[in-house]
N, C-alpha and C. Protein backbone atom coordinates (compact mmCIF):
# COMPACT_ATOMS: atom_id res chain seq x y z
N MET A 1 35.10 13.23 31.50
CA MET A 1 34.45 12.24 31.38
C MET A 1 34.21 11.27 30.25
N GLN A 2 35.01 10.82 29.36
CA GLN A 2 34.31 10.50 27.61
C GLN A 2 33.41 9.92 27.50
N SER A 3 31.80 10.62 26.19
CA SER A 3 30.78 10.02 26.08
C SER A 3 31.09 8.86 25.27
N GLN A 4 29.99 7.90 25.48
CA GLN A 4 30.25 6.61 24.86
C GLN A 4 28.50 6.26 24.13
N TYR A 5 28.92 6.39 23.17
CA TYR A 5 27.25 5.63 22.36
C TYR A 5 27.60 4.33 21.54
N ASN A 6 26.18 4.08 21.15
CA ASN A 6 26.07 2.87 20.18
C ASN A 6 25.49 3.23 19.45
N LEU A 7 25.49 3.39 18.56
CA LEU A 7 25.17 3.22 16.88
C LEU A 7 24.47 2.22 16.53
N MET A 8 22.79 2.58 16.85
CA MET A 8 22.30 1.50 16.70
C MET A 8 21.32 1.44 15.23
N MET A 9 21.64 2.36 14.49
CA MET A 9 20.50 2.64 12.97
C MET A 9 21.33 3.28 12.65
N GLU A 10 22.04 2.73 11.08
CA GLU A 10 23.13 2.92 10.51
C GLU A 10 22.54 4.64 9.27
N GLY A 11 21.05 3.72 8.86
CA GLY A 11 21.12 4.41 8.12
C GLY A 11 19.12 4.02 7.92
N VAL A 12 18.26 4.59 7.03
CA VAL A 12 16.80 4.63 7.51
C VAL A 12 16.86 5.77 5.75
N ASP A 13 16.32 4.84 5.07
CA ASP A 13 16.19 5.68 3.57
C ASP A 13 14.95 4.95 2.67
N VAL A 14 14.30 5.98 1.82
CA VAL A 14 13.20 4.98 1.09
C VAL A 14 13.52 5.12 -0.48
N LYS A 15 14.08 3.73 -0.26
CA LYS A 15 14.62 3.56 -2.18
C LYS A 15 13.96 3.09 -3.41
N ASP A 16 14.45 2.97 -4.49
CA ASP A 16 13.42 2.84 -5.67
C ASP A 16 14.11 1.25 -4.98
N PRO A 17 13.37 -0.07 -5.18
CA PRO A 17 13.86 -1.21 -4.80
C PRO A 17 15.06 -2.03 -5.96
N LYS A 18 14.88 -1.25 -7.11
CA LYS A 18 15.56 -2.21 -8.19
C LYS A 18 16.85 -1.43 -8.07
N THR A 19 16.79 -0.09 -8.52
CA THR A 19 18.22 1.00 -8.62
C THR A 19 18.49 0.75 -7.37
N MET A 20 18.14 0.74 -6.25
CA MET A 20 18.43 1.07 -5.07
C MET A 20 19.14 2.33 -4.51
N GLU A 21 18.57 2.79 -5.32
CA GLU A 21 19.08 4.66 -5.47
C GLU A 21 17.96 5.63 -4.84
N SER A 22 18.16 6.40 -3.84
CA SER A 22 17.07 7.36 -2.80
C SER A 22 16.37 7.63 -4.00
N VAL A 23 14.73 7.78 -3.68
CA VAL A 23 13.57 8.64 -4.22
C VAL A 23 13.90 9.70 -3.79
N ALA A 24 13.35 10.98 -4.53
CA ALA A 24 13.14 12.46 -4.56
C ALA A 24 12.91 12.30 -3.23
N PHE A 25 13.00 14.00 -2.95
CA PHE A 25 12.24 14.00 -1.43
C PHE A 25 11.13 14.83 -1.61
N ASP A 26 9.96 15.06 -2.28
CA ASP A 26 9.07 15.71 -3.39
C ASP A 26 8.04 15.07 -2.93
N GLY A 27 7.21 14.39 -2.00
CA GLY A 27 6.05 13.26 -1.85
C GLY A 27 5.92 13.12 -2.34
N LYS A 28 6.16 12.68 -3.28
CA LYS A 28 5.00 12.11 -4.91
C LYS A 28 5.86 10.45 -4.94
N SER A 29 7.32 10.54 -5.26
CA SER A 29 7.63 9.21 -5.61
C SER A 29 8.17 8.08 -4.47
N ILE A 30 7.71 7.03 -5.03
CA ILE A 30 7.39 5.71 -4.09
C ILE A 30 8.47 4.83 -4.39
N GLY A 31 8.60 4.62 -3.26
CA GLY A 31 10.05 3.48 -2.95
C GLY A 31 9.78 2.93 -1.37
N GLU A 32 10.63 1.80 -1.32
CA GLU A 32 10.69 1.00 -0.54
C GLU A 32 11.20 1.13 0.73
N ILE A 33 10.58 1.36 2.03
CA ILE A 33 11.31 1.95 3.27
C ILE A 33 12.55 0.92 3.32
N ILE A 34 13.48 1.23 3.39
CA ILE A 34 14.77 -0.11 4.05
C ILE A 34 15.22 0.29 5.71
N PHE A 35 16.26 -0.15 6.33
CA PHE A 35 17.21 0.38 7.01
C PHE A 35 18.24 -0.50 6.63
N ARG A 36 19.76 -0.19 7.77
CA ARG A 36 20.22 -1.34 8.39
C ARG A 36 21.60 -0.35 9.88
N GLY A 37 21.35 -1.54 10.52
CA GLY A 37 22.44 -1.29 11.86
C GLY A 37 22.53 -2.19 12.07
N ASN A 38 23.37 -2.15 13.44
CA ASN A 38 24.11 -3.04 14.23
C ASN A 38 23.20 -4.41 15.22
N THR A 39 22.09 -3.55 15.29
CA THR A 39 21.05 -4.51 15.75
C THR A 39 19.74 -5.16 15.24
N LEU A 40 20.02 -5.26 13.77
CA LEU A 40 19.09 -6.62 13.05
C LEU A 40 19.68 -7.66 13.10
N MET A 41 18.30 -8.10 13.03
CA MET A 41 18.71 -9.90 13.52
C MET A 41 19.48 -10.55 11.50
N LEU A 42 20.16 -11.28 11.72
CA LEU A 42 21.05 -11.75 10.44
C LEU A 42 20.40 -12.44 9.27
N GLY A 43 19.31 -13.08 9.97
CA GLY A 43 18.35 -14.19 8.84
C GLY A 43 16.88 -14.83 9.61
N TYR A 44 16.46 -15.53 9.01
CA TYR A 44 15.56 -16.74 9.54
C TYR A 44 16.18 -17.73 9.87
N LEU A 45 15.79 -18.33 11.35
CA LEU A 45 16.55 -18.93 11.22
C LEU A 45 15.87 -20.66 10.72
N GLU A 46 16.80 -21.87 10.15
CA GLU A 46 16.40 -22.56 9.58
C GLU A 46 15.52 -22.18 8.09
N ASN A 47 15.48 -20.97 7.92
CA ASN A 47 15.01 -20.67 6.43
C ASN A 47 16.00 -19.52 5.58
N SER A 48 17.36 -19.75 4.88
CA SER A 48 17.38 -18.76 4.25
C SER A 48 17.04 -18.04 3.38
N LYS A 49 16.43 -18.52 2.76
CA LYS A 49 15.60 -18.20 1.05
C LYS A 49 15.02 -16.71 1.39
N PRO A 50 14.19 -16.66 2.08
CA PRO A 50 13.70 -15.55 2.37
C PRO A 50 14.14 -13.98 2.91
N ALA A 51 15.20 -14.80 3.83
CA ALA A 51 16.37 -14.01 4.43
C ALA A 51 17.29 -12.82 3.77
N HIS A 52 17.89 -13.93 2.40
CA HIS A 52 18.14 -13.62 1.41
C HIS A 52 17.91 -12.32 0.54
N GLU A 53 16.69 -12.58 0.37
CA GLU A 53 15.84 -11.70 -0.28
C GLU A 53 15.81 -9.92 0.53
N VAL A 54 15.21 -10.14 1.56
CA VAL A 54 15.38 -9.67 2.95
C VAL A 54 15.96 -8.24 3.08
N PHE A 55 17.68 -9.36 3.24
CA PHE A 55 19.00 -8.62 3.61
C PHE A 55 19.51 -8.33 2.01
N LYS A 56 18.82 -8.68 1.03
CA LYS A 56 19.64 -8.05 -0.40
C LYS A 56 20.63 -6.48 -0.33
N GLY A 57 21.90 -6.90 -0.89
CA GLY A 57 22.49 -5.64 -0.38
C GLY A 57 22.99 -4.94 0.83
N GLY A 58 22.50 -5.74 1.89
CA GLY A 58 23.24 -5.17 2.94
C GLY A 58 21.60 -4.40 4.26
N TRP A 59 21.22 -3.97 3.41
CA TRP A 59 19.59 -3.10 3.53
C TRP A 59 18.81 -4.17 4.10
N TYR A 60 18.11 -4.06 5.03
CA TYR A 60 16.73 -4.39 5.34
C TYR A 60 15.93 -4.19 4.79
N ARG A 61 14.68 -4.66 4.10
CA ARG A 61 13.81 -4.63 3.63
C ARG A 61 12.64 -4.85 3.73
N THR A 62 11.73 -3.81 3.95
CA THR A 62 10.22 -3.76 4.97
C THR A 62 9.21 -4.55 4.32
N GLY A 63 9.49 -3.59 3.29
CA GLY A 63 7.84 -4.09 2.21
C GLY A 63 6.98 -2.89 2.35
N ASP A 64 7.49 -2.18 2.85
CA ASP A 64 6.72 -0.90 3.05
C ASP A 64 6.82 -0.29 2.53
N LEU A 65 5.70 0.84 1.51
CA LEU A 65 6.08 1.56 0.19
C LEU A 65 5.74 2.84 1.22
N ALA A 66 6.84 4.02 0.61
CA ALA A 66 6.95 5.19 1.20
C ALA A 66 6.96 5.96 0.31
N VAL A 67 7.33 7.68 0.39
CA VAL A 67 7.62 9.13 0.26
C VAL A 67 8.42 9.99 0.83
N ARG A 68 9.39 10.30 0.37
CA ARG A 68 9.73 11.25 1.47
C ARG A 68 9.90 12.55 0.85
N HIS A 69 9.64 13.07 2.20
CA HIS A 69 8.80 14.99 1.97
C HIS A 69 10.11 15.38 1.82
N PRO A 70 10.17 17.04 1.84
CA PRO A 70 10.71 17.77 1.11
C PRO A 70 12.04 18.15 2.77
N ASP A 71 11.19 17.87 3.60
CA ASP A 71 11.86 17.85 5.14
C ASP A 71 12.12 17.06 6.05
N GLY A 72 12.38 15.30 5.25
CA GLY A 72 12.62 14.52 4.93
C GLY A 72 11.80 13.62 5.70
N TYR A 73 10.46 13.62 6.02
CA TYR A 73 9.49 13.30 7.13
C TYR A 73 9.14 11.91 5.73
N ILE A 74 9.18 10.64 6.45
CA ILE A 74 8.93 9.75 4.89
C ILE A 74 7.47 9.38 6.08
N GLN A 75 6.93 8.87 5.22
CA GLN A 75 5.27 9.37 5.05
C GLN A 75 4.80 7.47 4.29
N MET A 76 4.24 6.46 4.76
CA MET A 76 4.14 5.28 4.44
C MET A 76 2.91 5.45 4.01
N LYS A 77 2.90 4.74 2.69
CA LYS A 77 1.80 4.62 1.86
C LYS A 77 0.79 3.38 1.43
N ASP A 78 1.68 2.27 1.22
CA ASP A 78 0.91 0.80 1.41
C ASP A 78 2.17 -0.27 1.69
N ARG A 79 1.83 -1.18 2.10
CA ARG A 79 2.81 -2.55 1.27
C ARG A 79 2.73 -3.34 0.20
N ALA A 80 4.07 -3.60 0.24
CA ALA A 80 4.07 -3.36 -1.71
C ALA A 80 3.04 -4.88 -1.99
N GLY A 81 2.65 -5.59 -0.91
CA GLY A 81 1.47 -6.62 -2.04
C GLY A 81 0.58 -6.11 -1.90
N ASN A 82 0.12 -4.92 -1.48
CA ASN A 82 -1.39 -4.51 -1.43
C ASN A 82 -1.67 -3.20 -2.36
N ILE A 83 -0.41 -2.76 -3.07
CA ILE A 83 -0.28 -2.20 -4.47
C ILE A 83 -1.27 -2.53 -5.73
N ILE A 84 -2.18 -1.95 -6.56
CA ILE A 84 -2.91 -2.36 -7.53
C ILE A 84 -2.41 -1.53 -8.67
N ILE A 85 -1.71 -2.74 -9.81
CA ILE A 85 -1.43 -2.35 -10.72
C ILE A 85 -2.76 -1.57 -11.75
N CYS A 86 -3.01 -0.65 -12.66
CA CYS A 86 -4.74 -0.57 -13.72
C CYS A 86 -4.05 0.20 -14.24
N GLY A 87 -4.35 -1.02 -15.64
CA GLY A 87 -3.00 0.03 -17.01
C GLY A 87 -2.50 1.23 -17.06
N GLY A 88 -1.19 0.67 -15.95
CA GLY A 88 -0.03 1.18 -15.98
C GLY A 88 0.16 1.76 -14.81
N GLU A 89 -0.85 2.27 -13.98
CA GLU A 89 -1.38 3.34 -12.53
C GLU A 89 -0.62 2.42 -11.89
N VAL A 90 -0.18 3.10 -10.73
CA VAL A 90 -0.54 2.47 -9.42
C VAL A 90 -0.93 3.57 -8.34
N ILE A 91 -1.76 1.51 -8.00
CA ILE A 91 -2.79 2.51 -6.51
C ILE A 91 -2.57 2.29 -5.23
N SER A 92 -2.62 2.77 -4.50
CA SER A 92 -2.27 2.63 -2.74
C SER A 92 -3.49 2.32 -2.77
N THR A 93 -4.05 0.54 -1.79
CA THR A 93 -4.90 0.78 -1.08
C THR A 93 -5.18 1.74 0.05
N LEU A 94 -3.86 1.75 0.73
CA LEU A 94 -4.44 3.06 1.62
C LEU A 94 -5.00 4.86 1.36
N GLU A 95 -4.38 4.64 -0.13
CA GLU A 95 -5.15 6.05 -0.61
C GLU A 95 -6.70 5.94 -0.46
N VAL A 96 -7.40 5.22 -1.30
CA VAL A 96 -8.57 4.75 -1.56
C VAL A 96 -9.32 4.17 -0.38
N GLU A 97 -8.97 3.16 0.44
CA GLU A 97 -9.50 3.06 1.90
C GLU A 97 -9.75 4.33 2.34
N PRO A 98 -9.50 5.24 3.00
CA PRO A 98 -9.86 6.34 3.90
C PRO A 98 -11.34 6.96 3.26
N VAL A 99 -11.75 7.00 2.06
CA VAL A 99 -12.55 7.78 1.44
C VAL A 99 -13.65 6.91 2.48
N LEU A 100 -13.80 5.65 2.13
CA LEU A 100 -15.40 5.31 3.46
C LEU A 100 -14.93 4.44 4.31
N GLU A 101 -15.75 3.72 5.32
CA GLU A 101 -15.08 2.49 5.84
C GLU A 101 -15.37 1.28 4.63
N ALA A 102 -14.39 1.06 3.84
CA ALA A 102 -14.34 -0.09 3.08
C ALA A 102 -13.19 -0.47 3.32
N ALA A 103 -12.68 -1.41 2.26
CA ALA A 103 -12.08 -2.38 1.86
C ALA A 103 -11.23 -2.11 0.29
N VAL A 104 -10.35 -2.13 -0.02
CA VAL A 104 -10.17 -2.00 -1.28
C VAL A 104 -8.75 -2.88 -1.56
N VAL A 105 -9.17 -3.74 -2.11
CA VAL A 105 -8.16 -4.73 -3.02
C VAL A 105 -8.78 -4.54 -4.89
N GLY A 106 -7.20 -4.81 -5.33
CA GLY A 106 -7.35 -5.53 -6.61
C GLY A 106 -8.17 -6.64 -6.89
N LYS A 107 -8.69 -6.73 -8.21
CA LYS A 107 -10.05 -7.62 -8.36
C LYS A 107 -9.43 -7.61 -9.81
N TYR A 108 -9.60 -9.39 -10.41
CA TYR A 108 -8.75 -9.20 -11.85
C TYR A 108 -9.54 -8.67 -12.44
N ASP A 109 -8.73 -8.23 -14.13
CA ASP A 109 -9.39 -7.29 -15.55
C ASP A 109 -8.97 -7.78 -16.55
N GLU A 110 -9.67 -8.73 -17.25
CA GLU A 110 -8.65 -8.79 -19.00
C GLU A 110 -7.62 -7.91 -19.35
N VAL A 111 -8.57 -6.21 -18.95
CA VAL A 111 -7.53 -5.08 -20.03
C VAL A 111 -6.69 -4.82 -19.24
N PHE A 112 -7.38 -4.54 -17.92
CA PHE A 112 -5.72 -3.49 -17.33
C PHE A 112 -5.31 -4.07 -16.17
N GLY A 113 -5.45 -5.54 -16.27
CA GLY A 113 -4.73 -6.49 -15.12
C GLY A 113 -5.59 -6.59 -14.12
N GLU A 114 -5.71 -5.11 -13.19
CA GLU A 114 -6.45 -5.48 -11.84
C GLU A 114 -7.09 -4.18 -12.40
N THR A 115 -8.64 -4.18 -11.38
CA THR A 115 -8.95 -2.81 -11.05
C THR A 115 -9.48 -2.48 -9.35
N PRO A 116 -9.64 -1.26 -9.47
CA PRO A 116 -9.63 -0.97 -7.41
C PRO A 116 -11.31 -2.23 -7.31
N CYS A 117 -11.57 -2.52 -6.54
CA CYS A 117 -12.51 -3.23 -5.79
C CYS A 117 -13.22 -2.93 -4.64
N ALA A 118 -14.54 -3.00 -4.45
CA ALA A 118 -14.62 -1.88 -2.74
C ALA A 118 -15.28 -3.05 -1.71
N ILE A 119 -14.98 -3.14 -0.83
CA ILE A 119 -15.74 -4.17 0.15
C ILE A 119 -16.51 -3.87 1.43
N VAL A 120 -17.50 -3.28 0.94
CA VAL A 120 -17.80 -2.00 1.42
C VAL A 120 -19.44 -2.78 2.83
N LYS A 121 -19.40 -2.04 3.77
CA LYS A 121 -20.36 -2.60 4.94
C LYS A 121 -21.20 -1.50 5.15
N LEU A 122 -22.22 -1.46 4.69
CA LEU A 122 -23.28 -0.37 4.74
C LEU A 122 -23.05 0.18 6.52
N LYS A 123 -23.62 1.05 7.20
CA LYS A 123 -24.28 1.46 8.20
C LYS A 123 -25.07 0.61 8.67
N GLU A 124 -25.86 0.40 9.97
CA GLU A 124 -27.04 -0.05 10.28
C GLU A 124 -28.24 1.18 9.93
N GLY A 125 -29.08 0.56 9.23
CA GLY A 125 -30.20 1.16 9.32
C GLY A 125 -29.89 2.42 7.71
N PHE A 126 -29.19 1.93 7.09
CA PHE A 126 -28.92 2.55 5.98
C PHE A 126 -30.18 2.31 4.39
N GLY A 127 -30.97 2.99 4.24
CA GLY A 127 -32.15 3.40 3.40
C GLY A 127 -31.49 3.38 1.83
N GLY A 128 -30.64 3.52 1.22
CA GLY A 128 -30.14 3.57 0.09
C GLY A 128 -30.72 2.48 -0.65
N GLY A 129 -30.18 1.06 -0.12
CA GLY A 129 -30.35 0.01 -1.34
C GLY A 129 -28.74 0.03 -1.75
N VAL A 130 -28.31 -1.31 -2.16
CA VAL A 130 -27.45 -1.54 -2.51
C VAL A 130 -26.81 -0.27 -3.80
N GLU A 131 -27.91 -0.54 -4.48
CA GLU A 131 -27.22 -0.29 -6.47
C GLU A 131 -27.40 1.10 -5.80
N ALA A 132 -28.47 1.94 -4.94
CA ALA A 132 -28.49 2.98 -5.30
C ALA A 132 -26.59 3.75 -4.18
N SER A 133 -26.91 2.86 -2.83
CA SER A 133 -25.10 3.38 -2.28
C SER A 133 -23.97 3.21 -3.04
N SER A 134 -24.10 1.98 -4.05
CA SER A 134 -22.89 1.62 -5.36
C SER A 134 -22.72 3.27 -5.97
N ARG A 135 -23.89 3.70 -6.29
CA ARG A 135 -24.30 4.61 -7.56
C ARG A 135 -23.23 5.67 -6.27
N GLU A 136 -23.91 6.20 -5.61
CA GLU A 136 -22.95 7.14 -4.81
C GLU A 136 -22.14 6.89 -4.47
N ILE A 137 -21.36 6.09 -4.22
CA ILE A 137 -20.06 6.29 -3.80
C ILE A 137 -18.62 6.14 -4.59
N ILE A 138 -19.67 5.51 -5.89
CA ILE A 138 -18.61 5.56 -7.19
C ILE A 138 -18.80 7.58 -7.32
N GLU A 139 -19.71 7.59 -7.51
CA GLU A 139 -20.13 9.56 -7.74
C GLU A 139 -18.87 9.91 -7.10
N PHE A 140 -19.01 9.99 -5.77
CA PHE A 140 -18.57 10.54 -4.71
C PHE A 140 -16.11 10.17 -4.66
N CYS A 141 -16.27 9.31 -5.39
CA CYS A 141 -14.84 8.47 -5.63
C CYS A 141 -14.49 9.62 -6.67
N GLU A 142 -14.96 9.67 -8.05
CA GLU A 142 -14.82 10.54 -9.09
C GLU A 142 -14.95 11.79 -8.80
N GLY A 143 -15.25 12.16 -7.71
CA GLY A 143 -15.45 13.49 -6.94
C GLY A 143 -14.10 14.31 -6.54
N THR A 144 -13.09 12.92 -5.66
CA THR A 144 -12.31 13.50 -4.97
C THR A 144 -10.80 12.15 -5.19
N LEU A 145 -10.89 11.41 -6.33
CA LEU A 145 -9.95 10.87 -7.00
C LEU A 145 -9.80 11.08 -8.13
N PRO A 146 -8.38 10.43 -8.23
CA PRO A 146 -8.30 10.40 -10.01
C PRO A 146 -9.17 9.21 -10.42
N GLY A 147 -9.69 9.11 -12.01
CA GLY A 147 -10.26 8.51 -12.60
C GLY A 147 -9.76 6.90 -12.35
N PHE A 148 -8.19 6.51 -12.33
CA PHE A 148 -7.78 5.55 -12.88
C PHE A 148 -7.62 4.25 -10.98
N MET A 149 -8.11 5.36 -9.60
CA MET A 149 -8.69 4.85 -8.50
C MET A 149 -9.76 4.78 -8.24
N VAL A 150 -10.56 5.43 -9.55
CA VAL A 150 -12.26 4.84 -8.20
C VAL A 150 -12.66 3.60 -8.41
N PRO A 151 -13.22 3.00 -7.40
CA PRO A 151 -13.61 1.31 -7.24
C PRO A 151 -14.20 0.93 -8.41
N LYS A 152 -14.25 0.18 -9.28
CA LYS A 152 -15.06 -0.43 -10.67
C LYS A 152 -16.21 -1.49 -10.34
N VAL A 153 -15.34 -1.68 -9.00
CA VAL A 153 -16.89 -2.87 -8.22
C VAL A 153 -17.02 -2.63 -6.66
N MET A 154 -18.34 -2.42 -6.74
CA MET A 154 -18.51 -2.68 -4.65
C MET A 154 -19.26 -3.83 -4.73
N ILE A 155 -18.97 -4.60 -3.18
CA ILE A 155 -19.55 -5.25 -2.89
C ILE A 155 -19.60 -4.96 -1.18
N PHE A 156 -21.23 -5.47 -1.14
CA PHE A 156 -21.74 -4.98 0.06
C PHE A 156 -22.07 -5.99 1.13
N GLY A 157 -21.85 -6.11 2.76
CA GLY A 157 -22.08 -6.86 3.36
C GLY A 157 -20.82 -7.28 4.12
N GLU A 158 -20.76 -8.02 5.14
CA GLU A 158 -20.48 -8.59 5.72
C GLU A 158 -18.70 -9.41 5.27
N LYS A 159 -19.97 -10.49 4.57
CA LYS A 159 -18.81 -11.70 3.79
C LYS A 159 -19.10 -12.18 2.57
N ALA A 160 -17.94 -11.13 1.86
CA ALA A 160 -18.54 -9.93 0.71
C ALA A 160 -16.90 -10.61 0.31
N ASN A 161 -16.20 -11.88 -1.07
CA ASN A 161 -15.68 -12.53 -1.84
C ASN A 161 -15.45 -11.45 -2.83
N PRO A 162 -13.99 -10.99 -3.16
CA PRO A 162 -14.14 -10.19 -4.24
C PRO A 162 -13.91 -10.45 -5.39
N VAL A 163 -13.70 -11.53 -5.56
CA VAL A 163 -13.55 -12.64 -6.95
C VAL A 163 -15.05 -12.78 -7.05
N GLY A 164 -15.73 -13.26 -6.33
CA GLY A 164 -17.05 -14.01 -7.34
C GLY A 164 -18.42 -13.60 -6.40
N GLY A 165 -18.14 -11.88 -5.61
CA GLY A 165 -19.06 -11.47 -5.48
C GLY A 165 -19.85 -11.73 -3.81
N GLN A 166 -20.71 -11.63 -3.30
CA GLN A 166 -21.71 -12.26 -2.24
C GLN A 166 -21.22 -13.49 -2.30
N GLU A 167 -21.06 -13.81 -0.68
CA GLU A 167 -20.94 -15.64 -0.30
C GLU A 167 -22.25 -15.92 0.19
């Protein structure tokens, strides 16, 4: 009996979105996860403009940024819309967020374009105060992250607004 199969995924890769060249398998070079195969949709119903960009060059562009490791493993780093460009350095918000229970977003900066801004909810009963907590968090980040990734602004509370501070 002859074996039959259906190739559902023709290819999965991490490519530079501008050049469409595969990134190095070095665990450092960031690209976009893309794939193609015979089970992908052809586009979005009644909305061809987004589909044109998403399927450009015959590959489905996920919008997920990743690196490839020497063993071929793909590690997701962030969503393309979630990266922060600070003084020419690319910051993945996912790399900064695990430091604490916090969300990290880009905050407008006249000099650098954007700088990391951490929105933090302190644990119940934390007695250090916002000023002490901010200093401690920044010191901790300085000891564990490259300088350009260290949040420059800390906002505390459940209803924080990174543009204007506390609501």
